[in-house]
N, C-alpha and C. Protein backbone atom coordinates (compact mmCIF):
# COMPACT_ATOMS: atom_id res chain seq x y z
N UNK A 1 106.37 110.17 97.90
CA UNK A 1 105.01 110.61 98.14
C UNK A 1 104.10 109.39 98.01
N UNK A 2 103.23 109.16 98.97
CA UNK A 2 102.30 108.03 98.87
C UNK A 2 101.34 108.19 97.69
N UNK A 3 100.82 107.08 97.20
CA UNK A 3 99.92 107.11 96.05
C UNK A 3 98.65 107.90 96.33
N UNK A 4 98.12 107.79 97.53
CA UNK A 4 96.91 108.54 97.87
C UNK A 4 97.14 110.04 97.77
N UNK A 5 98.30 110.48 98.24
CA UNK A 5 98.63 111.90 98.18
C UNK A 5 98.81 112.37 96.74
N UNK A 6 99.43 111.52 95.90
CA UNK A 6 99.59 111.86 94.49
C UNK A 6 98.23 112.03 93.81
N UNK A 7 97.33 111.07 94.07
CA UNK A 7 96.00 111.15 93.45
C UNK A 7 95.25 112.39 93.94
N UNK A 8 95.39 112.74 95.21
CA UNK A 8 94.73 113.93 95.74
C UNK A 8 95.24 115.18 95.02
N UNK A 9 96.56 115.27 94.85
CA UNK A 9 97.14 116.43 94.16
C UNK A 9 96.70 116.50 92.70
N UNK A 10 96.62 115.35 92.05
CA UNK A 10 96.19 115.33 90.65
C UNK A 10 94.74 115.77 90.53
N UNK A 11 93.89 115.26 91.42
CA UNK A 11 92.47 115.65 91.39
C UNK A 11 92.30 117.14 91.66
N UNK A 12 93.03 117.66 92.64
CA UNK A 12 92.90 119.08 92.98
C UNK A 12 93.41 119.99 91.86
N UNK A 13 94.39 119.53 91.10
CA UNK A 13 94.92 120.36 90.02
C UNK A 13 94.00 120.42 88.82
N UNK A 14 93.07 119.46 88.69
CA UNK A 14 92.13 119.46 87.58
C UNK A 14 92.68 118.83 86.32
N UNK A 15 93.80 118.14 86.40
CA UNK A 15 94.39 117.51 85.22
C UNK A 15 93.50 116.43 84.63
N UNK A 16 92.81 115.71 85.48
CA UNK A 16 91.97 114.62 84.98
C UNK A 16 90.82 115.14 84.12
N UNK A 17 90.33 116.32 84.42
CA UNK A 17 89.25 116.88 83.62
C UNK A 17 89.77 117.43 82.29
N UNK A 18 91.02 117.88 82.27
CA UNK A 18 91.59 118.44 81.05
C UNK A 18 91.99 117.36 80.05
N UNK A 19 92.38 116.21 80.56
CA UNK A 19 92.82 115.12 79.70
C UNK A 19 91.63 114.20 79.47
N UNK A 20 91.38 113.86 78.21
CA UNK A 20 90.27 112.97 77.89
C UNK A 20 90.77 111.53 77.96
N UNK A 21 90.48 110.87 79.06
CA UNK A 21 90.85 109.47 79.20
C UNK A 21 89.74 108.63 78.59
N UNK A 22 90.06 107.94 77.51
CA UNK A 22 89.08 107.06 76.91
C UNK A 22 89.74 105.74 76.60
N UNK A 23 88.94 104.78 76.28
CA UNK A 23 89.47 103.46 75.97
C UNK A 23 89.64 103.29 74.47
N UNK A 24 89.73 104.39 73.72
CA UNK A 24 89.90 104.32 72.28
C UNK A 24 91.31 103.93 71.90
N UNK A 25 92.31 104.32 72.70
CA UNK A 25 93.71 104.11 72.37
C UNK A 25 94.04 102.65 72.20
N UNK A 26 94.76 102.13 73.12
CA UNK A 26 95.14 100.74 73.07
C UNK A 26 93.98 99.88 73.55
N UNK A 27 93.72 98.82 72.86
CA UNK A 27 92.63 97.94 73.24
C UNK A 27 92.87 97.25 74.56
N UNK A 28 94.12 97.12 74.96
CA UNK A 28 94.44 96.42 76.20
C UNK A 28 94.48 97.36 77.39
N UNK A 29 94.53 98.65 77.15
CA UNK A 29 94.61 99.59 78.27
C UNK A 29 93.24 99.79 78.87
N UNK A 30 93.21 99.83 80.17
CA UNK A 30 91.97 100.02 80.90
C UNK A 30 91.93 101.42 81.47
N UNK A 31 90.74 101.96 81.57
CA UNK A 31 90.58 103.29 82.15
C UNK A 31 90.72 103.17 83.66
N UNK A 32 91.66 103.93 84.21
CA UNK A 32 91.83 103.88 85.65
C UNK A 32 92.04 105.26 86.25
N UNK A 33 91.95 106.30 85.45
CA UNK A 33 92.15 107.65 85.97
C UNK A 33 90.87 108.13 86.63
N UNK A 34 91.04 108.93 87.66
CA UNK A 34 89.90 109.53 88.31
C UNK A 34 89.28 108.69 89.40
N UNK A 35 89.76 107.49 89.61
CA UNK A 35 89.25 106.70 90.72
C UNK A 35 90.41 106.02 91.41
N UNK A 36 90.16 105.50 92.55
CA UNK A 36 91.21 104.85 93.32
C UNK A 36 91.26 103.36 93.08
N UNK A 37 90.63 102.90 92.02
CA UNK A 37 90.59 101.47 91.74
C UNK A 37 91.95 101.00 91.23
N UNK A 38 92.53 100.07 91.92
CA UNK A 38 93.77 99.45 91.48
C UNK A 38 93.50 98.00 91.17
N UNK A 39 94.12 97.52 90.12
CA UNK A 39 93.96 96.12 89.77
C UNK A 39 94.70 95.26 90.78
N UNK A 40 94.45 93.97 90.72
CA UNK A 40 95.11 93.07 91.66
C UNK A 40 96.60 92.94 91.38
N UNK A 41 97.04 93.40 90.21
CA UNK A 41 98.46 93.32 89.88
C UNK A 41 99.16 94.64 90.13
N UNK A 42 98.60 95.51 90.94
CA UNK A 42 99.25 96.76 91.27
C UNK A 42 98.87 97.91 90.36
N UNK A 43 97.95 97.69 89.41
CA UNK A 43 97.48 98.77 88.58
C UNK A 43 98.27 98.95 87.30
N UNK A 44 99.21 98.12 87.02
CA UNK A 44 100.01 98.28 85.81
C UNK A 44 99.22 97.76 84.61
N UNK A 45 99.51 98.30 83.46
CA UNK A 45 98.86 97.89 82.24
C UNK A 45 99.52 96.65 81.67
N UNK A 46 98.75 95.94 80.85
CA UNK A 46 99.29 94.77 80.16
C UNK A 46 100.44 95.18 79.25
N UNK A 47 100.30 96.34 78.59
CA UNK A 47 101.36 96.82 77.70
C UNK A 47 102.65 97.09 78.48
N UNK A 48 102.52 97.52 79.72
CA UNK A 48 103.70 97.78 80.53
C UNK A 48 104.49 96.50 80.78
N UNK A 49 103.79 95.40 81.00
CA UNK A 49 104.48 94.13 81.24
C UNK A 49 105.19 93.65 79.98
N UNK A 50 104.57 93.85 78.83
CA UNK A 50 105.24 93.48 77.57
C UNK A 50 106.47 94.34 77.34
N UNK A 51 106.34 95.63 77.63
CA UNK A 51 107.48 96.53 77.48
C UNK A 51 108.60 96.15 78.45
N UNK A 52 108.24 95.88 79.70
CA UNK A 52 109.25 95.48 80.69
C UNK A 52 109.93 94.19 80.27
N UNK A 53 109.16 93.23 79.77
CA UNK A 53 109.75 91.97 79.33
C UNK A 53 110.71 92.20 78.17
N UNK A 54 110.34 93.06 77.25
CA UNK A 54 111.22 93.37 76.12
C UNK A 54 112.49 94.06 76.59
N UNK A 55 112.33 95.04 77.46
CA UNK A 55 113.49 95.80 77.93
C UNK A 55 114.41 94.92 78.78
N UNK A 56 113.86 94.07 79.64
CA UNK A 56 114.68 93.21 80.49
C UNK A 56 115.30 92.05 79.72
N UNK A 57 114.67 91.61 78.64
CA UNK A 57 115.21 90.49 77.87
C UNK A 57 116.54 90.87 77.22
N UNK A 58 116.68 92.09 76.79
CA UNK A 58 117.90 92.52 76.11
C UNK A 58 119.13 92.39 77.01
N UNK A 59 119.15 92.95 78.22
CA UNK A 59 120.35 92.79 79.05
C UNK A 59 120.58 91.35 79.52
N UNK A 60 119.50 90.60 79.74
CA UNK A 60 119.72 89.24 80.20
C UNK A 60 120.18 88.32 79.07
N UNK A 61 119.80 88.60 77.84
CA UNK A 61 120.40 87.88 76.72
C UNK A 61 121.86 88.27 76.56
N UNK A 62 122.18 89.52 76.83
CA UNK A 62 123.57 89.96 76.79
C UNK A 62 124.39 89.25 77.87
N UNK A 63 123.82 89.12 79.06
CA UNK A 63 124.50 88.37 80.13
C UNK A 63 124.73 86.93 79.69
N UNK A 64 123.74 86.33 79.05
CA UNK A 64 123.88 84.95 78.56
C UNK A 64 125.02 84.86 77.55
N UNK A 65 125.09 85.81 76.63
CA UNK A 65 126.15 85.81 75.61
C UNK A 65 127.52 85.97 76.27
N UNK A 66 127.63 86.88 77.22
CA UNK A 66 128.91 87.11 77.90
C UNK A 66 129.33 85.87 78.69
N UNK A 67 128.39 85.26 79.41
CA UNK A 67 128.71 84.05 80.17
C UNK A 67 129.15 82.93 79.25
N UNK A 68 128.47 82.78 78.13
CA UNK A 68 128.83 81.73 77.18
C UNK A 68 130.23 81.97 76.62
N UNK A 69 130.52 83.20 76.25
CA UNK A 69 131.85 83.51 75.71
C UNK A 69 132.93 83.33 76.77
N UNK A 70 132.66 83.76 78.01
CA UNK A 70 133.66 83.63 79.07
C UNK A 70 133.94 82.17 79.43
N UNK A 71 132.91 81.36 79.46
CA UNK A 71 133.12 79.95 79.81
C UNK A 71 133.90 79.24 78.71
N UNK A 72 133.60 79.56 77.46
CA UNK A 72 134.39 78.95 76.37
C UNK A 72 135.84 79.43 76.43
N UNK A 73 136.05 80.68 76.74
CA UNK A 73 137.40 81.21 76.84
C UNK A 73 138.14 80.58 78.02
N UNK A 74 137.42 80.32 79.12
CA UNK A 74 138.04 79.73 80.30
C UNK A 74 138.64 78.36 79.99
N UNK A 75 137.95 77.59 79.15
CA UNK A 75 138.44 76.27 78.80
C UNK A 75 139.22 76.27 77.49
N UNK A 76 139.59 77.44 77.02
CA UNK A 76 140.41 77.61 75.82
C UNK A 76 139.79 76.92 74.61
N UNK A 77 138.48 77.00 74.52
CA UNK A 77 137.74 76.45 73.39
C UNK A 77 137.41 77.58 72.43
N UNK A 78 137.47 77.29 71.17
CA UNK A 78 137.13 78.28 70.16
C UNK A 78 135.61 78.32 70.02
N UNK A 79 135.04 79.47 70.23
CA UNK A 79 133.59 79.65 70.09
C UNK A 79 133.33 80.79 69.12
N UNK A 80 132.98 80.46 67.89
CA UNK A 80 132.70 81.53 66.92
C UNK A 80 131.53 82.39 67.41
N UNK A 81 131.63 83.68 67.22
CA UNK A 81 130.56 84.57 67.70
C UNK A 81 129.18 84.22 67.13
N UNK A 82 129.14 83.72 65.91
CA UNK A 82 127.84 83.38 65.32
C UNK A 82 127.18 82.23 66.08
N UNK A 83 127.99 81.26 66.56
CA UNK A 83 127.44 80.15 67.35
C UNK A 83 126.88 80.65 68.68
N UNK A 84 127.61 81.54 69.32
CA UNK A 84 127.15 82.08 70.60
C UNK A 84 125.86 82.87 70.41
N UNK A 85 125.80 83.66 69.35
CA UNK A 85 124.60 84.45 69.09
C UNK A 85 123.42 83.54 68.74
N UNK A 86 123.67 82.48 67.99
CA UNK A 86 122.59 81.54 67.66
C UNK A 86 122.05 80.85 68.91
N UNK A 87 122.94 80.48 69.84
CA UNK A 87 122.48 79.88 71.10
C UNK A 87 121.66 80.89 71.90
N UNK A 88 122.08 82.15 71.88
CA UNK A 88 121.31 83.18 72.59
C UNK A 88 119.95 83.40 71.94
N UNK A 89 119.89 83.35 70.62
CA UNK A 89 118.61 83.51 69.94
C UNK A 89 117.67 82.35 70.23
N UNK A 90 118.23 81.15 70.41
CA UNK A 90 117.40 80.01 70.79
C UNK A 90 116.85 80.18 72.21
N UNK A 91 117.63 80.81 73.08
CA UNK A 91 117.20 81.01 74.47
C UNK A 91 116.31 82.25 74.63
N UNK A 92 116.28 83.12 73.65
CA UNK A 92 115.54 84.37 73.74
C UNK A 92 114.05 84.18 74.06
N UNK A 93 113.32 83.29 73.38
CA UNK A 93 111.90 83.12 73.74
C UNK A 93 111.70 82.63 75.17
N UNK A 94 112.59 81.79 75.64
CA UNK A 94 112.51 81.32 77.03
C UNK A 94 112.73 82.48 77.99
N UNK A 95 113.74 83.30 77.74
CA UNK A 95 114.00 84.45 78.60
C UNK A 95 112.82 85.42 78.59
N UNK A 96 112.29 85.69 77.40
CA UNK A 96 111.17 86.63 77.30
C UNK A 96 109.96 86.12 78.09
N UNK A 97 109.64 84.84 77.91
CA UNK A 97 108.49 84.27 78.63
C UNK A 97 108.72 84.27 80.13
N UNK A 98 109.91 83.86 80.55
CA UNK A 98 110.23 83.82 81.97
C UNK A 98 110.16 85.23 82.58
N UNK A 99 110.69 86.21 81.89
CA UNK A 99 110.68 87.59 82.41
C UNK A 99 109.27 88.15 82.42
N UNK A 100 108.49 87.89 81.38
CA UNK A 100 107.12 88.39 81.34
C UNK A 100 106.29 87.81 82.48
N UNK A 101 106.32 86.49 82.63
CA UNK A 101 105.50 85.84 83.66
C UNK A 101 105.95 86.26 85.06
N UNK A 102 107.25 86.30 85.29
CA UNK A 102 107.72 86.64 86.63
C UNK A 102 107.43 88.10 86.98
N UNK A 103 107.46 89.00 86.02
CA UNK A 103 107.11 90.40 86.29
C UNK A 103 105.60 90.58 86.42
N UNK A 104 104.85 89.86 85.62
CA UNK A 104 103.38 89.98 85.64
C UNK A 104 102.82 89.54 86.98
N UNK A 105 103.36 88.47 87.53
CA UNK A 105 102.84 87.92 88.77
C UNK A 105 103.81 88.09 89.93
N UNK A 106 104.63 89.10 89.86
CA UNK A 106 105.69 89.32 90.85
C UNK A 106 105.15 89.49 92.27
N UNK A 107 104.02 90.13 92.43
CA UNK A 107 103.47 90.40 93.76
C UNK A 107 102.68 89.23 94.34
N UNK A 108 102.44 88.20 93.56
CA UNK A 108 101.69 87.05 94.07
C UNK A 108 102.57 86.24 95.03
N UNK A 109 101.93 85.65 96.01
CA UNK A 109 102.66 84.91 97.05
C UNK A 109 103.42 83.72 96.48
N UNK A 110 102.85 83.05 95.49
CA UNK A 110 103.52 81.88 94.91
C UNK A 110 104.86 82.28 94.29
N UNK A 111 104.87 83.38 93.57
CA UNK A 111 106.11 83.84 92.94
C UNK A 111 107.11 84.27 94.01
N UNK A 112 106.63 84.93 95.05
CA UNK A 112 107.53 85.36 96.13
C UNK A 112 108.16 84.17 96.83
N UNK A 113 107.46 83.04 96.88
CA UNK A 113 108.04 81.84 97.48
C UNK A 113 108.91 81.08 96.48
N UNK A 114 108.60 81.16 95.20
CA UNK A 114 109.38 80.44 94.19
C UNK A 114 110.72 81.10 93.89
N UNK A 115 110.77 82.41 93.90
CA UNK A 115 112.01 83.10 93.53
C UNK A 115 113.20 82.71 94.40
N UNK A 116 113.10 82.70 95.72
CA UNK A 116 114.25 82.25 96.51
C UNK A 116 114.62 80.79 96.24
N UNK A 117 113.61 79.96 96.00
CA UNK A 117 113.89 78.56 95.69
C UNK A 117 114.62 78.40 94.37
N UNK A 118 114.16 79.14 93.36
CA UNK A 118 114.82 79.09 92.05
C UNK A 118 116.24 79.63 92.16
N UNK A 119 116.40 80.70 92.89
CA UNK A 119 117.73 81.30 93.06
C UNK A 119 118.68 80.35 93.77
N UNK A 120 118.24 79.77 94.87
CA UNK A 120 119.11 78.86 95.62
C UNK A 120 119.41 77.60 94.81
N UNK A 121 118.39 77.05 94.15
CA UNK A 121 118.59 75.83 93.37
C UNK A 121 119.54 76.07 92.19
N UNK A 122 119.33 77.16 91.46
CA UNK A 122 120.20 77.41 90.30
C UNK A 122 121.62 77.75 90.74
N UNK A 123 121.77 78.50 91.83
CA UNK A 123 123.11 78.82 92.32
C UNK A 123 123.86 77.59 92.82
N UNK A 124 123.17 76.76 93.61
CA UNK A 124 123.82 75.55 94.13
C UNK A 124 124.15 74.57 93.01
N UNK A 125 123.22 74.41 92.05
CA UNK A 125 123.49 73.50 90.95
C UNK A 125 124.61 74.03 90.07
N UNK A 126 124.70 75.33 89.91
CA UNK A 126 125.79 75.93 89.14
C UNK A 126 127.13 75.62 89.80
N UNK A 127 127.21 75.80 91.10
CA UNK A 127 128.46 75.47 91.81
C UNK A 127 128.76 73.98 91.75
N UNK A 128 127.73 73.15 91.84
CA UNK A 128 127.92 71.70 91.73
C UNK A 128 128.47 71.34 90.35
N UNK A 129 127.91 71.94 89.31
CA UNK A 129 128.41 71.68 87.95
C UNK A 129 129.86 72.11 87.80
N UNK A 130 130.18 73.27 88.33
CA UNK A 130 131.55 73.78 88.19
C UNK A 130 132.56 72.88 88.90
N UNK A 131 132.14 72.23 89.98
CA UNK A 131 133.06 71.39 90.74
C UNK A 131 133.13 69.95 90.26
N UNK A 132 132.09 69.43 89.62
CA UNK A 132 132.05 68.00 89.32
C UNK A 132 131.95 67.66 87.85
N UNK A 133 131.47 68.53 87.01
CA UNK A 133 131.21 68.18 85.61
C UNK A 133 132.44 68.37 84.74
N UNK A 134 132.47 67.63 83.63
CA UNK A 134 133.55 67.87 82.67
C UNK A 134 133.33 69.20 81.95
N UNK A 135 134.34 69.62 81.24
CA UNK A 135 134.33 70.95 80.61
C UNK A 135 133.15 71.11 79.65
N UNK A 136 132.83 70.07 78.89
CA UNK A 136 131.74 70.20 77.92
C UNK A 136 130.40 70.43 78.61
N UNK A 137 130.16 69.73 79.70
CA UNK A 137 128.91 69.91 80.45
C UNK A 137 128.81 71.31 81.02
N UNK A 138 129.92 71.81 81.49
CA UNK A 138 129.94 73.17 82.04
C UNK A 138 129.65 74.18 80.94
N UNK A 139 130.27 74.01 79.78
CA UNK A 139 130.07 74.96 78.69
C UNK A 139 128.64 74.96 78.18
N UNK A 140 127.96 73.83 78.26
CA UNK A 140 126.59 73.74 77.76
C UNK A 140 125.55 74.26 78.75
N UNK A 141 125.77 74.03 80.05
CA UNK A 141 124.72 74.31 81.03
C UNK A 141 124.92 75.60 81.83
N UNK A 142 126.13 76.00 82.06
CA UNK A 142 126.38 77.12 82.97
C UNK A 142 125.90 78.49 82.49
N UNK A 143 125.97 78.84 81.21
CA UNK A 143 125.48 80.18 80.83
C UNK A 143 124.00 80.39 81.16
N UNK A 144 123.19 79.40 80.88
CA UNK A 144 121.76 79.52 81.19
C UNK A 144 121.49 79.54 82.68
N UNK A 145 122.17 78.66 83.41
CA UNK A 145 121.99 78.63 84.87
C UNK A 145 122.44 79.94 85.51
N UNK A 146 123.57 80.45 85.08
CA UNK A 146 124.06 81.71 85.65
C UNK A 146 123.10 82.86 85.35
N UNK A 147 122.53 82.88 84.16
CA UNK A 147 121.59 83.94 83.80
C UNK A 147 120.31 83.84 84.63
N UNK A 148 119.80 82.63 84.81
CA UNK A 148 118.60 82.45 85.64
C UNK A 148 118.89 82.83 87.09
N UNK A 149 120.06 82.48 87.58
CA UNK A 149 120.42 82.82 88.95
C UNK A 149 120.49 84.35 89.12
N UNK A 150 121.17 85.01 88.19
CA UNK A 150 121.28 86.47 88.26
C UNK A 150 119.90 87.12 88.17
N UNK A 151 119.06 86.62 87.27
CA UNK A 151 117.72 87.22 87.13
C UNK A 151 116.88 87.02 88.38
N UNK A 152 116.93 85.85 88.97
CA UNK A 152 116.11 85.62 90.17
C UNK A 152 116.59 86.47 91.33
N UNK A 153 117.90 86.67 91.47
CA UNK A 153 118.41 87.56 92.51
C UNK A 153 118.01 89.00 92.21
N UNK A 154 118.06 89.38 90.95
CA UNK A 154 117.67 90.73 90.52
C UNK A 154 116.20 91.02 90.86
N UNK A 155 115.35 90.04 90.72
CA UNK A 155 113.92 90.24 90.90
C UNK A 155 113.48 90.22 92.36
N UNK A 156 114.25 89.59 93.22
CA UNK A 156 113.86 89.47 94.63
C UNK A 156 114.10 90.77 95.39
N UNK A 157 113.44 90.85 96.54
CA UNK A 157 113.72 91.92 97.48
C UNK A 157 115.09 91.67 98.10
N UNK A 158 115.61 92.65 98.82
CA UNK A 158 116.98 92.59 99.32
C UNK A 158 117.20 91.45 100.32
N UNK A 159 116.35 91.33 101.31
CA UNK A 159 116.58 90.31 102.34
C UNK A 159 116.51 88.88 101.81
N UNK A 160 115.49 88.51 101.02
CA UNK A 160 115.51 87.16 100.46
C UNK A 160 116.70 86.93 99.53
N UNK A 161 117.10 87.96 98.79
CA UNK A 161 118.26 87.82 97.89
C UNK A 161 119.53 87.55 98.69
N UNK A 162 119.73 88.31 99.76
CA UNK A 162 120.91 88.08 100.61
C UNK A 162 120.86 86.71 101.26
N UNK A 163 119.67 86.29 101.66
CA UNK A 163 119.53 84.96 102.27
C UNK A 163 119.88 83.85 101.31
N UNK A 164 119.41 83.94 100.07
CA UNK A 164 119.73 82.88 99.11
C UNK A 164 121.20 82.93 98.71
N UNK A 165 121.77 84.13 98.61
CA UNK A 165 123.20 84.23 98.30
C UNK A 165 124.03 83.64 99.43
N UNK A 166 123.62 83.87 100.67
CA UNK A 166 124.32 83.27 101.81
C UNK A 166 124.17 81.75 101.79
N UNK A 167 122.98 81.27 101.45
CA UNK A 167 122.76 79.83 101.36
C UNK A 167 123.62 79.19 100.29
N UNK A 168 123.73 79.82 99.14
CA UNK A 168 124.58 79.30 98.07
C UNK A 168 126.04 79.37 98.49
N UNK A 169 126.41 80.43 99.18
CA UNK A 169 127.79 80.56 99.67
C UNK A 169 128.13 79.46 100.68
N UNK A 170 127.18 79.08 101.50
CA UNK A 170 127.42 78.00 102.46
C UNK A 170 127.48 76.63 101.79
N UNK A 171 126.83 76.51 100.63
CA UNK A 171 126.84 75.24 99.91
C UNK A 171 128.26 74.93 99.45
């Protein structure tokens, strides 16, 4: 259902008059009910971006941990779980910031142009590292690169994502 149709149905049902929308709740939430005013960021609240960043950081830190453990296992290196978790905790603020900023400004043209570039660059550099670097270099750099590559593909629309994956495949 288009947004205009949803707002028409909500107005006709009288829900907006029954619910007291005020700015008393969260200081960051803006009143947007009852009018068709959308913010330049699509109308989402600041709290929504923080929540999305928190929710998305958890699985991407898990991906980082799994990649780190798999790469160490691939080279038959002993990696104590506490070391892997400590490395993930060091990367956590970076992941949170990257996810927050990229979701907050996702609809901006600059981000739409940067995402395919980041995806292609991280994917190609990951393959380059896997083919040319010694085992220690791979173990140190690949978990982060793989996580950034997966996240950038996750965030893109389908056609740019397929294009960058094809470009990395041709590399």
